[in-house]
Amino acid sequence: MADGGDDGDVDDPPNIPYPLVTVSDLPGSTAAGRNLKEWLQEQFCDNPLEQCEDMRLHNAAYVGDLDTLKSLLKEDSFKKRINEKSVWCCGWLPCTPLRIAATAGHGDCVDFLIGQGAEVDLVDVKGQTALYVAVVNGHLDCVGILLEAGANPNGSRHHRSTPVYHAARVGRVDILRELIRFNADVNVDHQLMSSPLFSARTLSTLVVCPLYISAAYHHLPCFRLLLQAGANPDYNYTGPVSPEALGRGLASCLLDAVLRHGCEPAFVSLLLEHGANPNLVQWEVPDPDSAGRVRVNPEALRIFQESRRCPRRLTDLCRIVIRRTLGKQRLAHIPSLPLPDAIKLFLLHENC
């Protein structure tokens, strides 16, 4: 289940440019590492170690050696292994060549492997897809290639985080925009929805919400983009919610959270413009003993207090109702509606 992002899930490549080396330059495994490699291969990989001694395909993906990939995949033996999860000599996590290339950011290799039949949504032993690791490592070009090839923009339900959540957490609005363009879920419904064996999970912590995490790290462009794409302005979730459980934590709703995190006034204004209910916040003046280390922004507090005293404008209410009626999946069709451009920009919150 998704309980928030975890950067430790990805075997990050070194924070240095990848050298232009060939597979022959790669080091071999040590005797001590050999035993661990054999155990990992036995537990998690597709074939026994003796059948996977030749790791040239995986190693070529790691260093971005496109020429070697092209040469190897001319052979039937390597074509059959294109989706094989193996422990290659430069890493211990069993995964496919595509997953390796996406982690390293070799877009040309990612594109070629997909063209040769690599499955885009295969997961590694941690439930991470190639798209997820491309997002985590900030490779916009790989993200675009994978999405164009049909990768699930929501990642895998077997992993604790999602591509949207991580992009919102680190403030990569460019990657977030690309995910949304391919219909990624800006809420957390796909991670918490009911399954044949379990009922729908009740939301009891805001930490799982992309909208919340973008506010917690003060990433205003991501925050705005998520709301424009239809993120729920109250809980970032449309299933069952436990306000009592949320109230026992640091924040009872998104509006409460942005105030407590000392966010600038724009965060409060955006939530209110998109229909956030100010009455969900159970205080009008913060308790100094429970405010924590962050002081509420005075102007943000003023905007919030005014929203509790003054009714919304009729035009704002109309926009909220229209967008809710359309639903988040159809908001992208607003530009094609037979309406004046000014009205379309107003409905898209792009008239500011």
Protein backbone atom coordinates (compact mmCIF):
# COMPACT_ATOMS: atom_id res chain seq x y z
CA MET A 1 0.00 0.00 0.00
CA ALA A 2 1.03 3.56 -0.50
CA ASP A 3 2.12 5.13 2.73
CA GLY A 4 4.13 7.96 1.27
CA GLY A 5 7.30 8.21 -0.78
CA ASP A 6 10.54 6.50 0.12
CA ASP A 7 13.64 7.61 -1.73
CA GLY A 8 15.58 4.69 -0.29
CA ASP A 9 13.70 2.25 -2.53
CA VAL A 10 15.77 3.03 -5.61
CA ASP A 11 19.33 1.93 -6.19
CA ASP A 12 20.44 5.36 -7.35
CA PRO A 13 23.27 5.64 -9.86
CA PRO A 14 26.32 7.67 -8.86
CA ASN A 15 25.89 11.45 -8.88
CA ILE A 16 28.50 11.80 -11.61
CA PRO A 17 28.20 11.72 -15.41
CA TYR A 18 28.23 8.18 -16.76
CA PRO A 19 31.59 7.40 -18.42
CA LEU A 20 31.68 6.49 -22.06
CA VAL A 21 32.86 2.94 -21.50
CA THR A 22 32.02 -0.36 -23.09
CA VAL A 23 30.90 -3.56 -21.44
CA SER A 24 34.45 -4.89 -21.47
CA ASP A 25 35.52 -2.11 -19.10
CA LEU A 26 33.18 -3.24 -16.32
CA PRO A 27 34.65 -4.88 -13.20
CA GLY A 28 33.91 -8.48 -12.26
CA SER A 29 32.26 -9.53 -9.01
CA THR A 30 34.37 -10.47 -5.99
CA ALA A 31 34.40 -13.91 -4.39
CA ALA A 32 32.60 -12.56 -1.34
CA GLY A 33 29.98 -10.89 -3.49
CA ARG A 34 29.53 -14.01 -5.52
CA ASN A 35 27.72 -15.83 -2.72
CA LEU A 36 25.27 -12.95 -2.23
CA LYS A 37 24.75 -12.73 -5.97
CA GLU A 38 23.96 -16.45 -6.13
CA TRP A 39 21.43 -16.12 -3.31
CA LEU A 40 19.71 -13.12 -4.93
CA GLN A 41 19.65 -14.91 -8.27
CA GLU A 42 18.10 -17.99 -6.67
CA GLN A 43 15.46 -16.01 -4.75
CA PHE A 44 14.39 -13.33 -7.20
CA CYS A 45 15.63 -13.89 -10.73
CA ASP A 46 14.02 -15.57 -13.68
CA ASN A 47 16.69 -18.22 -14.29
CA PRO A 48 19.38 -20.03 -12.27
CA LEU A 49 22.76 -18.31 -12.09
CA GLU A 50 24.45 -20.85 -14.37
CA GLN A 51 22.00 -19.89 -17.12
CA CYS A 52 22.63 -16.16 -16.67
CA GLU A 53 26.42 -15.94 -16.56
CA ASP A 54 26.50 -13.66 -19.60
CA MET A 55 25.35 -10.28 -18.31
CA ARG A 56 26.42 -8.29 -21.34
CA LEU A 57 22.86 -7.22 -22.14
CA HIS A 58 22.23 -5.85 -18.65
CA ASN A 59 25.67 -4.28 -18.39
CA ALA A 60 25.30 -2.55 -21.76
CA ALA A 61 22.01 -1.04 -20.57
CA TYR A 62 23.76 0.20 -17.42
CA VAL A 63 26.52 2.10 -19.22
CA GLY A 64 24.37 3.23 -22.15
CA ASP A 65 26.27 1.16 -24.70
CA LEU A 66 23.68 1.28 -27.49
CA ASP A 67 25.97 -0.31 -30.08
CA THR A 68 26.46 -3.38 -27.89
CA LEU A 69 22.71 -3.62 -27.27
CA LYS A 70 22.04 -3.53 -31.00
CA SER A 71 24.68 -6.18 -31.64
CA LEU A 72 23.51 -8.51 -28.86
CA LEU A 73 19.83 -8.30 -29.76
CA LYS A 74 20.54 -9.59 -33.22
CA GLU A 75 21.02 -12.97 -31.53
CA ASP A 76 17.98 -15.04 -30.61
CA SER A 77 19.49 -16.05 -27.26
CA PHE A 78 19.60 -12.43 -26.10
CA LYS A 79 16.23 -11.53 -27.63
CA LYS A 80 14.69 -14.20 -25.40
CA ARG A 81 16.31 -12.57 -22.35
CA ILE A 82 15.25 -8.97 -23.02
CA ASN A 83 12.75 -9.09 -20.12
CA GLU A 84 14.89 -11.22 -17.83
CA LYS A 85 15.39 -10.04 -14.26
CA SER A 86 18.98 -10.72 -13.36
CA VAL A 87 21.65 -9.57 -10.92
CA TRP A 88 24.18 -7.90 -13.20
CA CYS A 89 27.74 -7.13 -12.15
CA CYS A 90 27.16 -3.43 -11.36
CA GLY A 91 24.27 -3.82 -8.96
CA TRP A 92 22.59 -6.25 -6.62
CA LEU A 93 18.93 -5.54 -7.35
CA PRO A 94 17.53 -8.10 -9.81
CA CYS A 95 15.88 -6.24 -12.66
CA THR A 96 15.51 -6.04 -16.43
CA PRO A 97 17.73 -4.21 -18.93
CA LEU A 98 14.95 -1.64 -19.45
CA ARG A 99 14.74 -0.94 -15.70
CA ILE A 100 18.52 -0.51 -15.60
CA ALA A 101 18.62 1.87 -18.58
CA ALA A 102 15.76 3.95 -17.17
CA THR A 103 17.54 4.27 -13.82
CA ALA A 104 20.71 5.49 -15.52
CA GLY A 105 18.86 7.86 -17.85
CA HIS A 106 19.95 6.38 -21.16
CA GLY A 107 16.97 7.44 -23.25
CA ASP A 108 18.29 6.06 -26.52
CA CYS A 109 18.74 2.64 -24.89
CA VAL A 110 15.28 2.81 -23.29
CA ASP A 111 13.74 3.60 -26.67
CA PHE A 112 15.65 0.84 -28.45
CA LEU A 113 14.85 -1.82 -25.84
CA ILE A 114 11.15 -1.00 -26.02
CA GLY A 115 11.30 -1.27 -29.80
CA GLN A 116 12.86 -4.71 -29.42
CA GLY A 117 10.05 -5.98 -27.20
CA ALA A 118 10.94 -4.91 -23.66
CA GLU A 119 7.79 -4.84 -21.48
CA VAL A 120 7.39 -1.34 -20.07
CA ASP A 121 5.48 -2.17 -16.87
CA LEU A 122 7.47 -5.08 -15.47
CA VAL A 123 8.37 -4.47 -11.83
CA ASP A 124 11.53 -5.26 -9.92
CA VAL A 125 11.56 -7.06 -6.57
CA LYS A 126 10.50 -3.82 -4.84
CA GLY A 127 7.51 -3.25 -7.11
CA GLN A 128 9.21 -0.39 -8.98
CA THR A 129 8.49 0.08 -12.68
CA ALA A 130 10.93 1.54 -15.18
CA LEU A 131 8.83 4.70 -15.24
CA TYR A 132 9.01 5.09 -11.47
CA VAL A 133 12.80 4.84 -11.35
CA ALA A 134 13.08 7.26 -14.28
CA VAL A 135 10.99 9.76 -12.31
CA VAL A 136 12.95 9.24 -9.09
CA ASN A 137 16.22 9.83 -10.91
CA GLY A 138 14.85 12.88 -12.73
CA HIS A 139 15.17 11.63 -16.30
CA LEU A 140 12.46 13.57 -18.17
CA ASP A 141 13.41 12.16 -21.56
CA CYS A 142 13.08 8.57 -20.33
CA VAL A 143 9.76 9.43 -18.67
CA GLY A 144 8.42 10.72 -21.98
CA ILE A 145 9.65 7.69 -23.93
CA LEU A 146 8.10 5.25 -21.47
CA LEU A 147 4.77 7.07 -21.35
CA GLU A 148 4.61 7.24 -25.14
CA ALA A 149 5.20 3.49 -25.18
CA GLY A 150 2.18 2.90 -22.94
CA ALA A 151 3.71 2.73 -19.47
CA ASN A 152 1.19 3.03 -16.64
CA PRO A 153 1.56 6.67 -15.43
CA ASN A 154 0.53 5.54 -11.93
CA GLY A 155 3.36 3.03 -11.59
CA SER A 156 2.57 -0.21 -9.78
CA ARG A 157 0.13 -0.90 -6.95
CA HIS A 158 2.77 -3.20 -5.51
CA HIS A 159 4.97 -0.24 -4.60
CA ARG A 160 4.53 2.19 -1.71
CA SER A 161 4.86 5.33 -3.82
CA THR A 162 3.80 6.60 -7.25
CA PRO A 163 5.49 8.63 -10.00
CA VAL A 164 3.13 11.56 -9.32
CA TYR A 165 3.85 11.51 -5.60
CA HIS A 166 7.61 11.58 -6.07
CA ALA A 167 7.52 14.31 -8.73
CA ALA A 168 5.36 16.44 -6.42
CA ARG A 169 7.68 15.77 -3.49
CA VAL A 170 10.86 16.92 -5.25
CA GLY A 171 9.23 19.76 -7.19
CA ARG A 172 9.73 18.40 -10.72
CA VAL A 173 6.84 20.25 -12.32
CA ASP A 174 8.08 19.31 -15.80
CA ILE A 175 7.87 15.59 -15.03
CA LEU A 176 4.57 16.06 -13.21
CA ARG A 177 3.11 17.86 -16.23
CA GLU A 178 4.16 14.97 -18.48
CA LEU A 179 2.57 12.40 -16.17
CA ILE A 180 -0.67 14.38 -16.06
CA ARG A 181 -0.66 14.67 -19.84
CA PHE A 182 -0.85 10.88 -19.93
CA ASN A 183 -3.75 10.79 -17.44
CA ALA A 184 -1.89 10.01 -14.24
CA ASP A 185 -4.12 10.00 -11.16
CA VAL A 186 -3.41 13.22 -9.23
CA ASN A 187 -5.21 11.84 -6.18
CA VAL A 188 -4.36 8.65 -4.33
CA ASP A 189 -7.50 6.69 -5.18
CA HIS A 190 -5.73 4.08 -7.32
CA GLN A 191 -3.52 3.13 -4.37
CA LEU A 192 -6.28 2.99 -1.76
CA MET A 193 -9.24 1.69 -3.74
CA SER A 194 -11.00 -1.52 -2.79
CA SER A 195 -9.86 -4.89 -4.08
CA PRO A 196 -11.74 -8.22 -4.38
CA LEU A 197 -10.43 -9.25 -0.95
CA PHE A 198 -10.41 -5.96 0.95
CA SER A 199 -12.78 -3.06 1.39
CA ALA A 200 -11.70 0.46 0.47
CA ARG A 201 -9.12 1.81 2.86
CA THR A 202 -10.12 4.82 4.93
CA LEU A 203 -7.80 7.79 4.53
CA SER A 204 -6.35 8.57 7.95
CA THR A 205 -3.16 10.45 7.07
CA LEU A 206 -2.55 13.22 4.57
CA VAL A 207 1.05 12.14 4.03
CA VAL A 208 0.01 9.83 1.19
CA CYS A 209 -1.44 12.74 -0.81
CA PRO A 210 0.60 14.28 -3.66
CA LEU A 211 -1.06 17.64 -3.00
CA TYR A 212 -0.06 17.51 0.65
CA ILE A 213 3.56 16.58 -0.03
CA SER A 214 3.95 19.37 -2.59
CA ALA A 215 2.73 21.86 0.03
CA ALA A 216 4.91 20.39 2.78
CA TYR A 217 7.96 21.07 0.61
CA HIS A 218 6.56 24.44 -0.59
CA HIS A 219 6.54 23.47 -4.29
CA LEU A 220 3.92 25.97 -5.45
CA PRO A 221 4.10 25.20 -9.23
CA CYS A 222 3.44 21.49 -8.52
CA PHE A 223 0.71 22.38 -6.04
CA ARG A 224 -1.01 24.59 -8.63
CA LEU A 225 -0.67 22.01 -11.39
CA LEU A 226 -2.19 19.24 -9.26
CA LEU A 227 -5.20 21.40 -8.43
CA GLN A 228 -5.66 22.42 -12.06
CA ALA A 229 -5.64 18.74 -12.97
CA GLY A 230 -8.46 18.00 -10.53
CA ALA A 231 -6.80 17.05 -7.24
CA ASN A 232 -9.27 17.08 -4.35
CA PRO A 233 -8.63 20.40 -2.49
CA ASP A 234 -9.79 19.06 0.87
CA TYR A 235 -8.21 15.62 1.25
CA ASN A 236 -6.71 14.83 -2.18
CA TYR A 237 -8.82 11.69 -1.97
CA THR A 238 -12.37 10.85 -2.97
CA GLY A 239 -12.95 7.66 -0.95
CA PRO A 240 -13.88 7.24 2.71
CA VAL A 241 -12.08 9.71 5.00
CA SER A 242 -11.65 9.63 8.77
CA PRO A 243 -11.69 13.30 9.88
CA GLU A 244 -11.31 12.16 13.49
CA ALA A 245 -8.08 10.30 12.74
CA LEU A 246 -6.79 13.22 10.68
CA GLY A 247 -7.69 15.63 13.47
CA ARG A 248 -5.44 13.74 15.88
CA GLY A 249 -2.48 14.41 13.63
CA LEU A 250 -0.83 17.62 12.49
CA ALA A 251 -3.58 18.65 10.08
CA SER A 252 -7.24 17.79 9.55
CA CYS A 253 -7.37 18.71 5.84
CA LEU A 254 -5.21 20.27 3.12
CA LEU A 255 -6.13 23.84 4.11
CA ASP A 256 -5.17 23.13 7.70
CA ALA A 257 -1.88 21.63 6.46
CA VAL A 258 -0.78 24.59 4.32
CA LEU A 259 -1.48 26.96 7.22
CA ARG A 260 0.43 24.85 9.73
CA HIS A 261 3.38 24.47 7.36
CA GLY A 262 3.71 28.23 7.06
CA CYS A 263 3.02 28.18 3.33
CA GLU A 264 2.77 31.45 1.47
CA PRO A 265 -0.68 33.00 0.80
CA ALA A 266 -0.85 31.61 -2.74
CA PHE A 267 -1.30 28.07 -1.37
CA VAL A 268 -4.33 29.11 0.67
CA SER A 269 -5.82 31.14 -2.19
CA LEU A 270 -5.44 28.26 -4.64
CA LEU A 271 -7.17 25.80 -2.31
CA LEU A 272 -10.07 28.18 -1.75
CA GLU A 273 -10.39 28.95 -5.48
CA HIS A 274 -10.62 25.22 -6.20
CA GLY A 275 -13.36 24.68 -3.64
CA ALA A 276 -11.64 23.83 -0.35
CA ASN A 277 -14.02 24.02 2.61
CA PRO A 278 -12.61 26.44 5.22
CA ASN A 279 -14.99 25.09 7.87
CA LEU A 280 -13.05 21.82 7.96
CA VAL A 281 -10.33 23.70 9.84
CA GLN A 282 -11.37 23.58 13.49
CA TRP A 283 -9.67 26.81 14.54
CA GLU A 284 -9.61 30.43 13.38
CA VAL A 285 -6.53 31.53 15.28
CA PRO A 286 -3.76 28.91 15.74
CA ASP A 287 -2.93 27.73 19.23
CA PRO A 288 0.64 28.94 19.90
CA ASP A 289 1.31 25.85 22.03
CA SER A 290 0.47 23.48 19.16
CA ALA A 291 1.76 25.48 16.22
CA GLY A 292 5.11 23.69 16.22
CA ARG A 293 8.29 25.17 14.86
CA VAL A 294 6.67 26.87 11.86
CA ARG A 295 4.72 30.08 12.28
CA VAL A 296 1.56 30.55 10.24
CA ASN A 297 2.05 33.10 7.47
CA PRO A 298 0.10 36.21 8.61
CA GLU A 299 -1.26 37.02 5.13
CA ALA A 300 -2.22 33.39 4.53
CA LEU A 301 -4.03 33.41 7.88
CA ARG A 302 -5.86 36.60 6.95
CA ILE A 303 -7.09 35.08 3.66
CA PHE A 304 -8.28 31.98 5.50
CA GLN A 305 -10.10 34.00 8.18
CA GLU A 306 -11.79 36.13 5.54
CA SER A 307 -12.98 33.01 3.71
CA ARG A 308 -14.79 31.87 6.87
CA ARG A 309 -16.61 35.18 7.19
CA CYS A 310 -17.42 36.00 3.57
CA PRO A 311 -19.41 33.88 1.10
CA ARG A 312 -17.77 32.88 -2.17
CA ARG A 313 -18.45 34.87 -5.30
CA LEU A 314 -21.12 33.42 -7.57
CA THR A 315 -18.68 33.12 -10.48
CA ASP A 316 -16.28 31.11 -8.33
CA LEU A 317 -19.09 28.83 -7.17
CA CYS A 318 -20.11 28.24 -10.81
CA ARG A 319 -16.57 27.29 -11.75
CA ILE A 320 -16.28 24.88 -8.82
CA VAL A 321 -19.58 23.18 -9.68
CA ILE A 322 -18.77 22.88 -13.38
CA ARG A 323 -15.34 21.37 -12.74
CA ARG A 324 -16.73 18.92 -10.19
CA THR A 325 -19.48 17.92 -12.61
CA LEU A 326 -16.95 17.31 -15.38
CA GLY A 327 -14.73 15.25 -13.09
CA LYS A 328 -10.94 15.23 -13.13
CA GLN A 329 -10.72 12.81 -16.07
CA ARG A 330 -12.56 15.25 -18.37
CA LEU A 331 -10.93 18.52 -17.35
CA ALA A 332 -8.37 18.10 -20.13
CA HIS A 333 -11.22 18.38 -22.67
CA ILE A 334 -12.16 21.92 -21.60
CA PRO A 335 -9.99 23.55 -24.32
CA SER A 336 -12.01 21.72 -27.00
CA LEU A 337 -15.41 22.92 -25.72
CA PRO A 338 -17.35 25.38 -27.95
CA LEU A 339 -16.87 28.25 -25.52
CA PRO A 340 -15.15 31.65 -25.68
CA ASP A 341 -11.45 31.46 -24.83
CA ALA A 342 -11.93 33.66 -21.77
CA ILE A 343 -14.41 31.19 -20.27
CA LYS A 344 -12.18 28.20 -21.04
CA LEU A 345 -9.22 29.90 -19.36
CA PHE A 346 -11.43 30.70 -16.39
CA LEU A 347 -12.54 27.07 -16.04
CA LEU A 348 -8.92 25.94 -16.30
CA HIS A 349 -7.77 28.43 -13.64
CA GLU A 350 -5.42 29.95 -16.17
CA ASN A 351 -6.91 33.44 -16.22
CA CYS A 352 -4.73 34.75 -13.36
